[in-house]
Protein backbone atom coordinates (compact mmCIF):
# COMPACT_ATOMS: atom_id res chain seq x y z
CA MET A 1 -16.72 -8.77 28.20
CA THR A 2 -13.27 -9.52 26.79
CA SER A 3 -12.47 -7.99 23.41
CA THR A 4 -11.52 -10.26 20.51
CA VAL A 5 -8.79 -9.49 17.97
CA ALA A 6 -11.54 -8.83 15.41
CA ASP A 7 -13.02 -6.24 17.79
CA LEU A 8 -9.69 -4.42 17.79
CA LEU A 9 -8.97 -4.95 14.06
CA PRO A 10 -12.35 -5.25 12.28
CA ALA A 11 -10.70 -6.20 8.99
CA LEU A 12 -10.00 -9.59 10.57
CA GLY A 13 -13.75 -10.11 11.02
CA LEU A 14 -14.67 -9.46 7.40
CA ARG A 15 -16.07 -12.25 5.25
CA VAL A 16 -17.04 -11.63 1.61
CA VAL A 17 -18.57 -14.62 -0.18
CA ALA A 18 -19.42 -15.03 -3.87
CA GLY A 19 -20.31 -18.60 -4.76
CA PRO A 20 -17.25 -20.87 -4.37
CA VAL A 21 -14.97 -17.94 -3.51
CA GLU A 22 -14.62 -16.58 0.00
CA LEU A 23 -12.54 -13.52 0.92
CA ARG A 24 -11.88 -13.10 4.62
CA GLY A 25 -9.51 -11.52 7.09
CA LEU A 26 -6.18 -13.33 7.53
CA GLY A 27 -5.52 -14.33 11.12
CA ASP A 28 -2.12 -15.36 12.41
CA ASP A 29 -3.12 -19.02 12.12
CA ASP A 30 -3.52 -18.49 8.36
CA LEU A 31 -0.14 -16.87 7.75
CA GLY A 32 1.90 -20.08 7.79
CA THR A 33 -0.29 -21.65 5.10
CA LEU A 34 -0.23 -18.42 3.08
CA ALA A 35 3.55 -18.14 3.34
CA ASP A 36 4.01 -21.76 2.21
CA LEU A 37 1.68 -21.13 -0.72
CA ALA A 38 3.72 -18.13 -1.84
CA ALA A 39 6.99 -20.02 -1.44
CA GLU A 40 5.65 -22.80 -3.70
CA GLY A 41 5.44 -20.25 -6.53
CA ILE A 42 3.29 -17.41 -7.82
CA HIS A 43 4.85 -16.90 -11.24
CA PRO A 44 7.58 -18.44 -13.43
CA ALA A 45 11.07 -17.40 -12.35
CA ASP A 46 11.72 -15.58 -15.63
CA ARG A 47 8.67 -13.30 -15.23
CA MET A 48 7.77 -10.60 -12.70
CA PRO A 49 4.16 -9.37 -12.45
CA PHE A 50 4.65 -7.12 -9.39
CA TYR A 51 5.66 -3.46 -9.14
CA HIS A 52 8.05 -4.38 -6.35
CA PRO A 53 9.79 -7.73 -7.04
CA TRP A 54 9.10 -9.09 -3.57
CA THR A 55 9.16 -12.70 -4.76
CA ASP A 56 12.81 -12.42 -5.88
CA THR A 57 14.29 -14.05 -2.80
CA ASP A 58 14.83 -17.47 -1.24
CA PRO A 59 11.81 -19.39 0.12
CA ASP A 60 12.61 -18.88 3.82
CA THR A 61 13.03 -15.13 3.40
CA LEU A 62 9.85 -14.98 1.33
CA ARG A 63 7.88 -16.74 4.09
CA ARG A 64 9.16 -14.33 6.73
CA ARG A 65 8.53 -11.24 4.60
CA MET A 66 5.01 -12.44 3.86
CA ALA A 67 4.13 -12.55 7.55
CA GLN A 68 5.90 -9.25 8.26
CA TYR A 69 3.98 -7.55 5.45
CA GLN A 70 0.61 -8.70 6.78
CA TRP A 71 1.50 -7.56 10.30
CA ARG A 72 2.71 -4.19 8.98
CA CYS A 73 -0.56 -3.60 7.10
CA ARG A 74 -2.48 -4.24 10.31
CA ALA A 75 -0.24 -1.96 12.36
CA ASP A 76 -0.47 0.91 9.87
CA PHE A 77 -4.25 0.63 9.29
CA SER A 78 -6.11 3.92 9.85
CA PRO A 79 -9.02 5.82 8.26
CA GLU A 80 -6.47 8.10 6.58
CA SER A 81 -4.50 5.30 4.94
CA TRP A 82 -5.36 1.62 4.80
CA GLU A 83 -4.60 -1.56 2.95
CA LEU A 84 -7.15 -4.33 3.24
CA ASN A 85 -5.64 -7.74 2.47
CA LEU A 86 -8.10 -10.61 2.48
CA GLY A 87 -7.24 -14.25 2.09
CA VAL A 88 -8.96 -15.99 -0.81
CA TRP A 89 -10.43 -19.42 -0.22
CA HIS A 90 -11.78 -21.40 -3.18
CA GLU A 91 -14.01 -24.29 -2.21
CA GLY A 92 -12.41 -24.21 1.23
CA THR A 93 -8.74 -24.07 0.15
CA LEU A 94 -6.57 -20.98 0.69
CA VAL A 95 -5.36 -20.03 -2.80
CA GLY A 96 -4.05 -16.44 -2.54
CA THR A 97 -4.94 -12.93 -1.48
CA GLN A 98 -7.09 -10.10 -2.77
CA GLY A 99 -6.59 -6.58 -1.50
CA ILE A 100 -7.56 -2.97 -1.96
CA SER A 101 -5.49 -0.02 -0.76
CA THR A 102 -6.18 3.70 -0.48
CA ARG A 103 -5.28 7.02 1.10
CA ASP A 104 -7.73 9.80 2.04
CA TYR A 105 -10.62 7.47 1.18
CA LEU A 106 -13.30 9.64 2.77
CA VAL A 107 -12.40 12.32 0.21
CA THR A 108 -11.38 10.31 -2.86
CA ARG A 109 -13.68 7.28 -2.57
CA THR A 110 -11.21 5.33 -4.68
CA GLY A 111 -8.87 2.44 -4.05
CA GLU A 112 -6.44 0.25 -6.01
CA THR A 113 -6.86 -3.51 -6.17
CA GLY A 114 -3.98 -5.97 -5.95
CA SER A 115 -3.89 -9.75 -5.74
CA TRP A 116 -1.97 -12.95 -6.27
CA LEU A 117 -2.76 -16.64 -6.66
CA GLY A 118 -0.56 -19.66 -6.11
CA LEU A 119 0.58 -21.17 -9.42
CA ALA A 120 -1.41 -24.36 -8.87
CA HIS A 121 -4.65 -22.34 -8.70
CA GLN A 122 -4.17 -20.15 -11.76
CA GLY A 123 -6.05 -20.52 -15.03
CA LYS A 124 -9.28 -21.70 -13.36
CA GLY A 125 -11.27 -18.44 -13.36
CA ILE A 126 -10.61 -17.79 -9.67
CA GLY A 127 -8.83 -14.50 -10.37
CA THR A 128 -11.89 -13.08 -12.12
CA MET A 129 -14.28 -14.22 -9.37
CA MET A 130 -12.21 -12.74 -6.56
CA ARG A 131 -11.70 -9.41 -8.38
CA ARG A 132 -15.42 -9.13 -9.07
CA ALA A 133 -16.10 -9.86 -5.41
CA ILE A 134 -13.75 -7.17 -4.06
CA CYS A 135 -15.03 -4.58 -6.55
CA ALA A 136 -18.67 -5.34 -5.74
CA PHE A 137 -17.79 -5.11 -2.05
CA ALA A 138 -16.16 -1.71 -2.58
CA PHE A 139 -19.00 -0.26 -4.62
CA ASP A 140 -21.98 -1.79 -2.83
CA HIS A 141 -20.74 -1.72 0.77
CA LEU A 142 -17.95 0.86 1.07
CA ASP A 143 -19.50 3.63 -1.06
CA ALA A 144 -16.59 3.61 -3.54
CA GLU A 145 -17.00 5.74 -6.65
CA GLU A 146 -14.04 4.31 -8.55
CA VAL A 147 -11.64 1.36 -8.36
CA THR A 148 -8.28 1.35 -10.10
CA SER A 149 -5.76 -1.30 -11.00
CA GLY A 150 -2.59 -1.70 -13.01
CA ALA A 151 -0.63 -4.43 -14.75
CA PHE A 152 2.51 -4.64 -16.82
CA THR A 153 1.70 -4.90 -20.51
CA ASP A 154 3.26 -8.36 -20.66
CA ASN A 155 0.97 -9.65 -17.88
CA ALA A 156 -1.74 -10.99 -20.18
CA ALA A 157 -3.59 -12.90 -17.44
CA SER A 158 -4.08 -9.85 -15.20
CA LEU A 159 -5.14 -7.66 -18.11
CA ALA A 160 -7.64 -10.32 -19.21
CA VAL A 161 -9.19 -10.36 -15.72
CA SER A 162 -9.51 -6.56 -15.81
CA ARG A 163 -11.31 -6.72 -19.17
CA LYS A 164 -13.73 -9.37 -17.90
CA VAL A 165 -14.52 -7.30 -14.81
CA GLY A 166 -15.18 -4.14 -16.83
CA TYR A 167 -12.16 -1.87 -16.29
CA ARG A 168 -11.39 0.80 -18.87
CA LEU A 169 -7.86 1.48 -20.08
CA GLY A 170 -6.13 4.54 -18.65
CA GLY A 171 -2.64 5.84 -19.26
CA GLN A 172 0.67 4.01 -19.14
CA LYS A 173 3.73 4.37 -16.93
CA ARG A 174 7.33 3.45 -17.67
CA LEU A 175 8.71 1.79 -14.54
CA ARG A 176 11.78 -0.06 -13.36
CA ARG A 177 10.75 -3.62 -12.63
CA ARG A 178 13.82 -5.65 -11.76
CA GLU A 179 17.28 -4.09 -11.48
CA GLY A 180 18.01 -2.31 -14.77
CA GLU A 181 14.80 -3.60 -16.42
CA LEU A 182 12.24 -1.25 -17.98
CA ALA A 183 8.59 -2.33 -18.03
CA VAL A 184 5.44 -0.51 -19.16
CA ASN A 185 2.56 -0.50 -16.69
CA GLN A 186 -0.99 -0.19 -17.98
CA GLN A 187 -3.33 1.79 -15.71
CA LEU A 188 -6.99 0.77 -15.51
CA VAL A 189 -10.11 2.27 -13.97
CA LEU A 190 -13.50 0.77 -13.08
CA LEU A 191 -16.71 2.70 -12.41
CA PRO A 192 -19.75 1.20 -10.66
CA GLU A 193 -21.87 1.18 -13.82
CA ASP A 194 -19.15 -0.70 -15.73
CA LEU A 195 -18.71 -3.54 -13.25
CA VAL A 196 -19.47 -6.88 -14.89
CA ARG A 197 -20.98 -8.86 -12.06
CA GLY A 198 -20.65 -12.61 -11.92
CA ASP A 199 -23.32 -15.25 -11.49
CA HIS A 200 -23.03 -15.29 -7.71
CA PRO A 201 -24.41 -12.55 -5.44
CA VAL A 202 -21.97 -11.13 -2.91
CA THR A 203 -22.76 -11.52 0.78
CA VAL A 204 -20.82 -9.79 3.55
CA GLU A 205 -20.28 -10.43 7.25
CA GLY A 206 -18.52 -8.05 9.63
CA LEU A 207 -19.44 -4.96 7.63
CA PRO A 208 -20.69 -2.45 10.26
CA ALA A 209 -17.50 -2.61 12.34
CA PHE A 210 -15.28 -2.40 9.27
CA ARG A 211 -17.11 0.65 7.92
CA ARG A 212 -16.60 2.39 11.24
CA SER A 213 -12.90 1.45 11.21
CA ILE A 214 -12.35 3.37 7.94
CA GLY A 215 -14.32 6.41 9.08
CA LEU A 216 -17.71 5.66 7.54
CA ASP A 217 -20.93 5.79 9.58
CA THR A 218 -19.43 8.17 12.13
CA GLU A 219 -20.56 11.64 13.12
CA ASP A 220 -17.66 13.20 11.20
CA SER A 221 -17.99 11.14 8.00
CA PRO A 222 -19.51 12.83 4.93
CA ASP A 223 -22.82 11.35 3.79
CA ARG A 224 -22.09 10.21 0.24
CA SER A 225 -23.60 6.72 0.40
CA PRO A 226 -25.21 5.60 -2.87
CA ASP A 227 -28.16 3.23 -2.95
CA ARG A 228 -27.11 -0.35 -2.25
CA SER A 229 -27.23 -2.84 -5.09
CA PRO A 230 -30.33 -5.04 -4.94
CA ASP A 231 -28.09 -8.02 -5.74
CA SER A 232 -25.98 -7.69 -2.61
CA THR A 233 -26.65 -8.58 1.01
CA GLU A 234 -25.34 -6.92 4.15
CA GLU A 235 -24.87 -8.48 7.52
CA THR A 236 -27.55 -7.48 9.97
CA PRO A 237 -25.86 -5.45 12.74
């Protein structure tokens, strides 16, 4: 039997659904649409919500860097260090990405969320739904014990999403944002018991292979799996 790309990179076979929002692995056929979406705008030109100002470039360079970044995350994926970037579809339209990244996950059981939405899709509650979905996925299906996030203190939209999802405030960091510009970053932390779940249960496809790809459910993985949430549904292997 011939292997598929999803057999080789199980993240590409993931599908996390919560009502009208679907998070799934980004194949090469999706990258052109995603790159065009980013080039159309993610934030006003006079603002910068990201730690690294990757959107400060011309549209053609931005498109290329978008594809290169997704390929690099795939190439560097390992149980020791991984970044899961899922495309976000809302009612069938690709609107952005939702990710979670971590190092030494089998020890720490924690990861940091990161996301973006195209400007045309902001302010509709999609950001809250997709963050709830990725956090529920991490807690209910990946045995996470903590999820972290961060946002600059002038990024009111991101901080509002974090409050709605249930994150608690942590410390603050003083960071360089753009060249010569100081910005204060607010750290946030979410525990399983604090997660504010939405109205839609989370269902998952492609889970067994993905768990194995990050070192869970193997002979060498520590058994620290909590009980699964009764509101969530796993794919049948």
